[in-house]
Amino acid sequence: MSYLHKKISTFLFIAILISCAGHSLAENIVNDDKPKQNRSDNRDGYRLSLGLGYMNSESPMYDDEERDGMRLVIDARYQWKGLFAELAFNGVSGEKNLTSIGYNFYSTDHWNLDFIAAAVSGRTEFNYVYDGQVKQISGEPTKGVGFRAQGSWGNSIVQMVALPYIYDGEEKDFGSDNAVDYASLWVGHRWQVKNWSVNGLLGAVYKSSGLLDHQFGVTGNEADGIVWAYEPSSGIDYMAHIDLSYPVSKNILFQVFSRYTLYSDAALDSPLIELAREWDDRPENEHEFGVLLNYVF
């Protein structure tokens, strides 16, 4: 792993720890993005949004057919006495909202600190024909355990996630000498223009060499005349997101969004991705666009 990647992963982990001692930075600012609840420093309650609409994505990681068409979007959260569960299905905000369960052990008007177990990546699968035989290289879905810090000041937010422990469906540990194997940092702001709400997000997602190797690596035994052996280094993906929403009624929200993802060279240089891009004419970066109608409970 490069010196820069080590610095970034260490910074994200330290930021989580520092946030544990965080306190209110502006006592008179109210958080506008909290679930339905009773006290300002208590996140117990719920939120639920169901969306249906059209999404189009061009990605180096997926076939266009898999990411183009009508989609159901679910964004849900329920918390009781600090214990919570969150569901993000086809989430508009991408990797910012991970499907997870956890415990909210610290909460103020501006900071929330959680212990979480979250879904990190889905199953990866690469199929091809070599020497008259169908071959497959795949990786099981991965989960992670760690901490999350969320801060909000008026219409501005920051979120940091650090997952030191990553495992797959077979409970294989991808731990390494790094402080974390998955980490993310997100900053966002919301602008109100008459009845339109404009939301912007910038994010960075770090994945260790062990995690990327599970997703995109090729062992010496798997290599052949088409696919070469590959062991990736760590990598950082960068994302930019913007969406516009308009309240059609009290519970129905119209939303248009666009997202751009710049994947790390560690992922793009994998033969699984290089060959898929060559065979399917996939782009180098990911562009996603969607139009949704959401029902907010």
Foldseek 3Di string as FASTA:
>chain_A
DDPVLLVVLVVLVVVLVVLVPDDDPDVPFADPPAADDDDLFDRAHKWKKKKKWFKFKFALQDFRVVTGGIDIWIWMKHDDPFWIFTDTDVHQVPPVDFGWTWGFPGTDRFKTKIWIKTFDAAKAKFWDDDPNDIDIDIFHTKIFTDMKMWGDGHFKIKIKTFGQWMAGPVRDTLHDPGPGQKMKIKIKGWDDDPQKIKIKMKMKIKGAQSVLCRRQAADPVRDDPQFHGARFGIFMKIKIKMKMWGDPDPFKIKMKMKMKMQTGCSNCVRSSSVVSCVVSVGDRIMIMIIIMIMGID
